[in-house]
């Protein structure tokens, strides 16, 4: 068994190196003007479509758009599959930093893996930009001066989607929850907002990651007679939950499905006939404005015609902002201290085509608006990937957990 694990880890490490952005001689790679970025995510499992190769493509686009090469800085991009296992993700992160000289780790969907990687990056004083992981603990009790949490978190999702459902009459809930850090965190935060709004939670059930049969969970939810079934999961788990709920005719009986985390790739996989009417929160939508459309057009070829989701957009925007900081402080200084690189990023206003203008708080939370969308009916869609209609925008001031409530040691109280 030990040998099998070693084989897995060696294979993951060997597979981690993908063609670099700008090939350079081996001697030049060791020089202080070469930045190495490792994209660590799910390349083959439940979260592949919301991260995977498309996140790597968006990081490459950020390198190209940054213009950093004109300042004499070379960037290499690596990628690896953490297999949704904290031990595998932690081992790859450690090997990347110790053996391969990686300066930045990006993406990391799966909150359990994300927390493990954040700890290692802090220990090694490198930089970490989380886009795919949802737990708000990254800017709470387990915050780090080396980590920026860019795209979304469980607090924002719970407040936007959960709060909206209660306001429209969904005042009794039953949760179907992924049984790991992200799911627990999302259920806990949503419960808080439901109860604060006068609603109640009638029960919950937890399922293993990458489940295929949700029939027993949906049956328990139905038997509770809750008005809302809250799906505190993501990726193919969400897709399978929604598909099977539709097959059982749950919504036809008046029960609402609250998809607490859904990506545009999930809607694409479900199809509008199945997904129509679902409400979700995202921080990026490709057809939101001229700038979001421009970004989607630039990466469309690398994504084989697909549109980027918010996780991909977060990878792009965080790397773009980091490279602006590198250009400002110099590659050698950025490589020497991840804390100093992140501090420089926090000191600079953010501005990119995905999220517009924003800032990064002391606790590492990247600030931008959140958007509540409803999935269009087939007859409302005007073409490929035209899936959302905007219901409301939550401002920067209201979308995110106040620093006073997070318990982050980096925040002065």
Protein backbone atom coordinates (compact mmCIF):
# COMPACT_ATOMS: atom_id res chain seq x y z
CA UNK A 1 0.00 0.00 0.00
CA UNK A 2 2.89 2.36 0.80
CA UNK A 3 4.45 1.55 -2.55
CA UNK A 4 1.15 2.27 -4.31
CA UNK A 5 0.90 5.70 -2.69
CA UNK A 6 4.49 6.52 -3.64
CA UNK A 7 3.78 5.49 -7.19
CA UNK A 8 0.72 7.75 -7.29
CA UNK A 9 2.67 10.71 -5.95
CA UNK A 10 5.58 10.18 -8.33
CA UNK A 11 3.17 9.93 -11.23
CA UNK A 12 1.40 13.11 -10.17
CA UNK A 13 4.68 14.96 -9.85
CA UNK A 14 5.90 13.72 -13.22
CA UNK A 15 2.64 14.74 -14.85
CA UNK A 16 2.72 18.14 -13.23
CA UNK A 17 5.02 19.80 -15.71
CA UNK A 18 3.19 21.04 -18.79
CA UNK A 19 4.75 23.00 -21.63
CA UNK A 20 5.91 26.29 -20.17
CA UNK A 21 4.91 29.72 -21.33
CA UNK A 22 8.02 30.68 -23.24
CA UNK A 23 10.57 27.85 -23.31
CA UNK A 24 13.98 28.87 -21.96
CA UNK A 25 17.29 27.06 -21.47
CA UNK A 26 17.71 25.12 -18.20
CA UNK A 27 20.35 27.53 -16.92
CA UNK A 28 18.01 30.50 -17.37
CA UNK A 29 15.26 28.80 -15.39
CA UNK A 30 17.28 29.13 -12.22
CA UNK A 31 17.78 32.83 -12.63
CA UNK A 32 15.95 35.28 -10.44
CA UNK A 33 13.91 36.75 -13.30
CA UNK A 34 11.95 33.53 -13.90
CA UNK A 35 8.60 33.17 -12.12
CA UNK A 36 7.09 29.68 -11.80
CA UNK A 37 3.33 29.32 -11.38
CA UNK A 38 1.76 26.00 -10.46
CA UNK A 39 -1.92 25.43 -11.26
CA UNK A 40 -3.09 22.75 -8.83
CA UNK A 41 -6.62 21.46 -9.37
CA UNK A 42 -8.89 18.61 -10.41
CA UNK A 43 -7.88 17.52 -13.90
CA UNK A 44 -9.94 14.35 -14.08
CA UNK A 45 -12.67 14.15 -11.43
CA UNK A 46 -15.78 15.79 -10.03
CA UNK A 47 -14.43 19.37 -10.37
CA UNK A 48 -12.66 19.04 -13.73
CA UNK A 49 -15.07 21.24 -15.67
CA UNK A 50 -15.06 24.07 -13.12
CA UNK A 51 -11.25 24.06 -12.88
CA UNK A 52 -9.06 21.58 -14.78
CA UNK A 53 -7.35 22.39 -18.09
CA UNK A 54 -9.45 25.52 -18.60
CA UNK A 55 -7.95 27.10 -15.47
CA UNK A 56 -4.49 26.39 -16.89
CA UNK A 57 -5.49 28.03 -20.17
CA UNK A 58 -6.73 31.13 -18.34
CA UNK A 59 -3.48 31.40 -16.37
CA UNK A 60 -1.58 31.28 -19.64
CA UNK A 61 -3.83 34.05 -20.98
CA UNK A 62 -3.03 36.17 -17.92
CA UNK A 63 0.70 35.75 -18.54
CA UNK A 64 0.22 36.82 -22.14
CA UNK A 65 -2.00 39.80 -21.26
CA UNK A 66 0.28 41.00 -18.47
CA UNK A 67 3.08 42.07 -20.79
CA UNK A 68 5.55 40.88 -18.16
CA UNK A 69 7.93 39.52 -20.80
CA UNK A 70 8.63 43.09 -21.94
CA UNK A 71 10.08 43.72 -18.47
CA UNK A 72 12.55 40.87 -18.84
CA UNK A 73 10.61 38.40 -16.72
CA UNK A 74 10.05 34.85 -17.93
CA UNK A 75 7.04 32.89 -16.64
CA UNK A 76 6.70 29.12 -16.57
CA UNK A 77 3.33 27.46 -15.94
CA UNK A 78 3.04 23.98 -14.42
CA UNK A 79 -0.11 21.96 -13.78
CA UNK A 80 -1.03 18.94 -11.65
CA UNK A 81 -4.07 16.94 -10.54
CA UNK A 82 -4.60 16.83 -6.75
CA UNK A 83 -7.22 14.07 -7.19
CA UNK A 84 -9.34 15.79 -4.49
CA UNK A 85 -7.07 14.26 -1.85
CA UNK A 86 -5.45 16.59 0.72
CA UNK A 87 -2.38 14.36 1.09
CA UNK A 88 -1.77 14.23 -2.65
CA UNK A 89 -2.30 17.99 -3.03
CA UNK A 90 -0.01 18.75 -0.09
CA UNK A 91 2.73 16.49 -1.44
CA UNK A 92 2.61 18.07 -4.89
CA UNK A 93 2.69 21.57 -3.39
CA UNK A 94 5.71 20.70 -1.24
CA UNK A 95 7.57 19.06 -4.14
CA UNK A 96 6.80 21.95 -6.45
CA UNK A 97 8.26 24.44 -4.02
CA UNK A 98 11.22 22.40 -2.72
CA UNK A 99 12.25 20.63 -5.92
CA UNK A 100 10.91 22.68 -8.82
CA UNK A 101 11.19 26.21 -7.47
CA UNK A 102 7.51 27.11 -7.84
CA UNK A 103 6.76 30.62 -6.56
CA UNK A 104 2.96 30.69 -6.76
CA UNK A 105 0.21 28.07 -6.50
CA UNK A 106 -3.16 28.86 -8.08
CA UNK A 107 -6.75 27.52 -8.10
CA UNK A 108 -7.13 24.42 -5.79
CA UNK A 109 -10.82 23.51 -5.81
CA UNK A 110 -11.79 21.29 -2.86
CA UNK A 111 -11.61 23.15 0.43
CA UNK A 112 -9.84 20.37 2.33
CA UNK A 113 -7.00 20.44 -0.20
CA UNK A 114 -7.07 24.24 -0.25
CA UNK A 115 -6.52 24.51 3.52
CA UNK A 116 -3.65 22.00 3.38
CA UNK A 117 -1.94 23.88 0.54
CA UNK A 118 -2.39 27.23 2.28
CA UNK A 119 -0.54 25.88 5.32
CA UNK A 120 2.39 24.60 3.24
CA UNK A 121 2.68 27.81 1.23
CA UNK A 122 2.78 29.81 4.47
CA UNK A 123 5.51 27.53 5.86
CA UNK A 124 7.59 27.98 2.68
CA UNK A 125 6.82 31.72 2.33
CA UNK A 126 5.50 31.48 -1.21
CA UNK A 127 2.21 32.86 -2.58
CA UNK A 128 -1.15 31.15 -3.03
CA UNK A 129 -4.20 32.43 -4.91
CA UNK A 130 -7.29 30.31 -4.32
CA UNK A 131 -10.01 30.46 -6.95
CA UNK A 132 -11.79 27.11 -6.87
CA UNK A 133 -12.00 26.36 -3.15
CA UNK A 134 -14.98 27.78 -1.29
CA UNK A 135 -14.37 27.64 2.45
CA UNK A 136 -14.46 31.04 4.14
CA UNK A 137 -11.93 29.72 6.66
CA UNK A 138 -9.23 30.80 4.21
CA UNK A 139 -9.93 34.37 5.30
CA UNK A 140 -11.17 33.43 8.76
CA UNK A 141 -9.57 31.37 11.48
CA UNK A 142 -7.10 29.79 9.04
CA UNK A 143 -6.15 32.97 7.17
CA UNK A 144 -2.56 33.39 6.00
CA UNK A 145 -0.44 36.38 4.96
CA UNK A 146 0.58 34.33 1.90
CA UNK A 147 -2.94 33.58 0.65
CA UNK A 148 -5.47 35.56 -1.39
CA UNK A 149 -8.98 34.11 -1.71
CA UNK A 150 -10.16 35.50 -5.01
CA UNK A 151 -13.43 34.35 -6.54
CA UNK A 152 -16.18 33.31 -4.11
CA UNK A 153 -16.65 31.78 -0.68
CA UNK A 154 -19.31 30.01 1.33
CA UNK A 155 -20.38 33.16 3.19
CA UNK A 156 -21.06 35.06 -0.04
CA UNK A 157 -22.93 32.14 -1.62
CA UNK A 158 -25.04 31.54 1.46
CA UNK A 159 -25.98 35.19 1.84
CA UNK A 160 -26.82 35.79 -1.81
CA UNK A 161 -28.62 32.60 -2.83
CA UNK A 162 -29.88 31.46 0.57
CA UNK A 163 -31.08 34.90 1.57
CA UNK A 164 -32.90 35.38 -1.72
CA UNK A 165 -34.74 32.06 -1.39
CA UNK A 166 -36.03 32.92 2.09
CA UNK A 167 -37.27 36.31 0.90
CA UNK A 168 -39.40 34.62 -1.76
CA UNK A 169 -41.11 32.30 0.75
CA UNK A 170 -38.63 29.48 1.12
CA UNK A 171 -38.60 29.53 4.91
CA UNK A 172 -38.11 25.80 5.63
CA UNK A 173 -34.99 23.96 4.43
CA UNK A 174 -33.44 20.51 4.13
CA UNK A 175 -29.78 20.26 3.12
CA UNK A 176 -28.07 17.68 0.90
CA UNK A 177 -24.43 18.34 1.70
CA UNK A 178 -21.05 17.18 0.40
CA UNK A 179 -19.33 15.56 3.36
CA UNK A 180 -16.13 17.60 3.59
CA UNK A 181 -14.98 21.07 4.61
CA UNK A 182 -16.66 23.01 1.77
CA UNK A 183 -20.07 21.38 2.15
CA UNK A 184 -20.09 21.70 5.93
CA UNK A 185 -19.06 25.35 5.71
CA UNK A 186 -21.68 26.17 3.07
CA UNK A 187 -24.47 24.46 5.02
CA UNK A 188 -23.44 26.22 8.24
CA UNK A 189 -23.37 29.66 6.62
CA UNK A 190 -26.67 29.16 4.81
CA UNK A 191 -28.33 27.93 7.99
CA UNK A 192 -27.24 31.15 9.68
CA UNK A 193 -28.90 33.35 7.05
CA UNK A 194 -32.05 31.21 6.88
CA UNK A 195 -32.53 31.39 10.65
CA UNK A 196 -31.73 35.11 10.82
CA UNK A 197 -34.46 35.69 8.24
CA UNK A 198 -37.00 33.79 10.34
CA UNK A 199 -36.73 30.46 8.53
CA UNK A 200 -35.92 27.04 9.93
CA UNK A 201 -33.87 23.99 8.97
CA UNK A 202 -35.78 20.71 9.16
CA UNK A 203 -32.85 18.37 8.59
CA UNK A 204 -29.81 17.44 6.56
CA UNK A 205 -28.02 14.48 5.01
CA UNK A 206 -24.39 14.24 3.92
CA UNK A 207 -23.03 12.39 0.91
CA UNK A 208 -19.53 11.30 -0.14
CA UNK A 209 -17.68 13.34 -2.75
CA UNK A 210 -18.33 12.19 -6.32
CA UNK A 211 -21.60 10.40 -5.60
CA UNK A 212 -23.72 9.07 -8.45
CA UNK A 213 -26.98 8.05 -6.75
CA UNK A 214 -28.83 10.76 -4.84
CA UNK A 215 -32.20 9.01 -4.70
CA UNK A 216 -32.10 8.18 -0.99
CA UNK A 217 -30.98 11.71 -0.10
CA UNK A 218 -33.74 13.28 -2.19
CA UNK A 219 -36.29 10.93 -0.64
CA UNK A 220 -35.28 12.05 2.85
CA UNK A 221 -35.53 15.66 1.76
CA UNK A 222 -39.03 15.09 0.38
CA UNK A 223 -40.18 13.35 3.53
CA UNK A 224 -39.14 16.36 5.61
CA UNK A 225 -41.73 18.47 3.72
CA UNK A 226 -39.27 21.35 3.54
CA UNK A 227 -40.12 24.05 1.03
CA UNK A 228 -36.48 24.26 -0.11
CA UNK A 229 -33.90 21.54 -0.72
CA UNK A 230 -30.49 23.19 -0.38
CA UNK A 231 -27.69 21.59 -2.40
CA UNK A 232 -24.45 22.28 -0.55
CA UNK A 233 -22.24 20.56 -3.10
CA UNK A 234 -20.59 21.35 -6.44
CA UNK A 235 -19.44 20.04 -9.80
CA UNK A 236 -20.82 16.72 -11.00
CA UNK A 237 -22.37 16.17 -7.55
CA UNK A 238 -24.59 19.19 -8.18
CA UNK A 239 -25.33 18.08 -11.75
CA UNK A 240 -26.38 14.60 -10.60
CA UNK A 241 -28.48 16.04 -7.74
CA UNK A 242 -30.41 18.36 -10.05
CA UNK A 243 -30.89 15.73 -12.77
CA UNK A 244 -32.29 13.19 -10.33
CA UNK A 245 -34.51 15.77 -8.62
CA UNK A 246 -35.97 16.54 -12.06
CA UNK A 247 -36.47 12.84 -12.79
CA UNK A 248 -38.37 12.44 -9.52
CA UNK A 249 -40.56 15.46 -10.33
CA UNK A 250 -39.68 17.15 -7.05
CA UNK A 251 -40.12 20.72 -8.27
CA UNK A 252 -43.47 19.88 -9.88
CA UNK A 253 -44.76 19.20 -6.37
CA UNK A 254 -43.89 22.74 -5.31
CA UNK A 255 -40.53 22.11 -3.64
CA UNK A 256 -37.77 24.52 -4.66
CA UNK A 257 -34.18 23.53 -5.32
CA UNK A 258 -31.56 25.97 -4.00
CA UNK A 259 -28.29 25.34 -5.83
CA UNK A 260 -25.91 27.07 -3.46
CA UNK A 261 -22.92 26.75 -5.79
CA UNK A 262 -23.40 26.37 -9.51
CA UNK A 263 -21.12 27.20 -12.42
CA UNK A 264 -22.03 27.92 -16.01
CA UNK A 265 -20.43 24.63 -17.04
CA UNK A 266 -22.95 22.87 -14.77
CA UNK A 267 -25.82 24.56 -16.60
CA UNK A 268 -24.26 23.57 -19.92
CA UNK A 269 -24.06 19.95 -18.79
CA UNK A 270 -27.64 19.95 -17.50
CA UNK A 271 -29.19 21.72 -20.48
CA UNK A 272 -31.77 24.49 -20.20
CA UNK A 273 -34.70 22.08 -20.20
CA UNK A 274 -33.50 20.68 -16.89
CA UNK A 275 -31.80 23.74 -15.38
CA UNK A 276 -34.37 26.42 -16.28
CA UNK A 277 -35.58 28.44 -13.31
CA UNK A 278 -32.70 27.49 -11.02
CA UNK A 279 -31.23 30.41 -9.09
CA UNK A 280 -27.51 30.69 -8.39
CA UNK A 281 -24.82 33.18 -7.44
CA UNK A 282 -21.65 33.84 -9.43
CA UNK A 283 -19.05 36.58 -9.31
CA UNK A 284 -18.31 36.41 -13.05
CA UNK A 285 -20.51 35.76 -16.07
CA UNK A 286 -19.07 35.93 -19.54
CA UNK A 287 -22.00 37.94 -20.97
CA UNK A 288 -22.31 40.45 -18.12
CA UNK A 289 -20.69 43.45 -19.85
CA UNK A 290 -18.26 44.44 -22.62
CA UNK A 291 -15.17 43.60 -20.55
CA UNK A 292 -16.37 40.13 -19.51
CA UNK A 293 -17.26 39.39 -23.12
CA UNK A 294 -13.83 40.56 -24.30
CA UNK A 295 -12.08 38.18 -21.89
CA UNK A 296 -14.32 35.28 -22.93
CA UNK A 297 -13.54 35.96 -26.58
CA UNK A 298 -9.77 35.96 -25.94
CA UNK A 299 -9.80 32.56 -24.24
CA UNK A 300 -12.54 30.89 -26.30
CA UNK A 301 -10.10 29.18 -28.63
CA UNK A 302 -8.05 27.71 -25.79
CA UNK A 303 -11.28 26.48 -24.16
CA UNK A 304 -12.45 24.72 -27.36
CA UNK A 305 -15.32 27.16 -27.78
CA UNK A 306 -16.58 26.94 -24.20
CA UNK A 307 -17.11 30.02 -22.06
CA UNK A 308 -15.05 30.49 -18.90
CA UNK A 309 -16.70 30.12 -15.52
CA UNK A 310 -15.99 32.17 -12.43
CA UNK A 311 -13.33 29.73 -11.22
CA UNK A 312 -11.40 30.12 -14.46
CA UNK A 313 -11.85 33.89 -14.32
CA UNK A 314 -10.43 33.96 -10.79
CA UNK A 315 -7.31 32.14 -11.93
CA UNK A 316 -6.83 34.66 -14.72
CA UNK A 317 -7.44 37.76 -12.61
CA UNK A 318 -5.33 36.70 -9.63
CA UNK A 319 -2.32 35.84 -11.79
CA UNK A 320 -2.70 39.05 -13.80
CA UNK A 321 -2.68 41.12 -10.61
CA UNK A 322 0.27 39.17 -9.20
CA UNK A 323 2.30 39.81 -12.35
CA UNK A 324 1.50 43.51 -12.07
CA UNK A 325 2.98 43.37 -8.57
CA UNK A 326 6.01 41.48 -9.90
CA UNK A 327 6.53 44.15 -12.51
CA UNK A 328 6.33 46.78 -9.77
CA UNK A 329 8.61 45.17 -7.17
CA UNK A 330 10.83 43.04 -9.37
CA UNK A 331 10.89 39.28 -9.86
CA UNK A 332 13.73 38.66 -7.42
CA UNK A 333 11.88 40.36 -4.56
CA UNK A 334 8.62 38.56 -5.39
CA UNK A 335 10.41 35.20 -5.42
CA UNK A 336 12.21 35.91 -2.16
CA UNK A 337 9.05 36.46 -0.11
CA UNK A 338 5.50 35.41 -0.82
CA UNK A 339 4.33 37.63 2.03
CA UNK A 340 5.91 40.70 0.44
CA UNK A 341 4.42 39.82 -2.95
CA UNK A 342 0.94 39.46 -1.44
CA UNK A 343 1.39 42.68 0.54
CA UNK A 344 2.24 44.50 -2.69
CA UNK A 345 -0.90 43.04 -4.28
CA UNK A 346 -2.99 44.24 -1.34
CA UNK A 347 -1.53 47.73 -1.66
CA UNK A 348 -2.48 47.97 -5.36
CA UNK A 349 -6.07 48.37 -6.60
CA UNK A 350 -7.20 45.50 -8.80
CA UNK A 351 -8.60 45.98 -12.29
CA UNK A 352 -9.26 43.29 -14.90
CA UNK A 353 -11.79 42.34 -17.55
CA UNK A 354 -13.37 39.61 -15.42
CA UNK A 355 -14.24 41.44 -12.19
CA UNK A 356 -13.58 45.12 -12.96
CA UNK A 357 -12.10 47.31 -10.25
CA UNK A 358 -11.61 46.01 -6.74
CA UNK A 359 -9.31 45.60 -3.75
CA UNK A 360 -7.82 42.91 -1.53
CA UNK A 361 -8.52 43.14 2.20
CA UNK A 362 -6.03 42.57 4.99
CA UNK A 363 -7.45 39.08 5.59
CA UNK A 364 -6.76 38.12 1.96
CA UNK A 365 -10.36 38.42 0.77
CA UNK A 366 -10.58 39.80 -2.79
CA UNK A 367 -13.55 42.17 -3.01
CA UNK A 368 -15.92 42.50 -5.97
CA UNK A 369 -19.72 42.37 -6.44
CA UNK A 370 -21.74 39.15 -6.41
CA UNK A 371 -24.53 38.48 -8.89
CA UNK A 372 -27.73 36.50 -8.39
CA UNK A 373 -28.82 34.84 -11.64
CA UNK A 374 -31.77 32.78 -12.81
CA UNK A 375 -31.23 30.17 -15.51
CA UNK A 376 -33.16 31.02 -18.66
CA UNK A 377 -35.85 28.88 -20.22
CA UNK A 378 -34.87 27.42 -23.62
CA UNK A 379 -37.03 29.94 -25.45
CA UNK A 380 -35.29 32.86 -23.73
CA UNK A 381 -31.78 31.87 -24.77
CA UNK A 382 -30.47 33.59 -27.89
CA UNK A 383 -27.53 31.31 -28.56
CA UNK A 384 -24.73 29.13 -27.25
CA UNK A 385 -23.91 29.71 -23.56
CA UNK A 386 -26.61 32.40 -23.24
CA UNK A 387 -27.89 30.92 -19.99
CA UNK A 388 -28.39 33.57 -17.30
CA UNK A 389 -30.60 36.53 -16.58
CA UNK A 390 -29.51 38.86 -13.81
CA UNK A 391 -31.87 39.12 -10.83
CA UNK A 392 -29.86 41.32 -8.49
CA UNK A 393 -26.37 42.59 -7.73
CA UNK A 394 -24.93 42.46 -4.23
CA UNK A 395 -22.51 45.31 -3.66
CA UNK A 396 -18.94 44.87 -2.45
CA UNK A 397 -19.91 46.25 0.96
CA UNK A 398 -22.67 43.67 1.44
CA UNK A 399 -21.44 40.57 -0.38
CA UNK A 400 -18.65 39.47 1.94
CA UNK A 401 -18.30 38.58 5.60
CA UNK A 402 -17.19 41.59 7.66
CA UNK A 403 -13.59 41.29 8.90
CA UNK A 404 -14.86 41.72 12.46
CA UNK A 405 -16.69 38.39 12.17
CA UNK A 406 -14.00 36.27 10.53
CA UNK A 407 -11.51 35.80 13.34
CA UNK A 408 -8.50 36.34 11.08
CA UNK A 409 -5.31 37.10 13.01
CA UNK A 410 -4.16 39.51 10.27
CA UNK A 411 -6.99 41.93 10.99
CA UNK A 412 -6.54 44.62 13.62
CA UNK A 413 -9.49 44.79 15.98
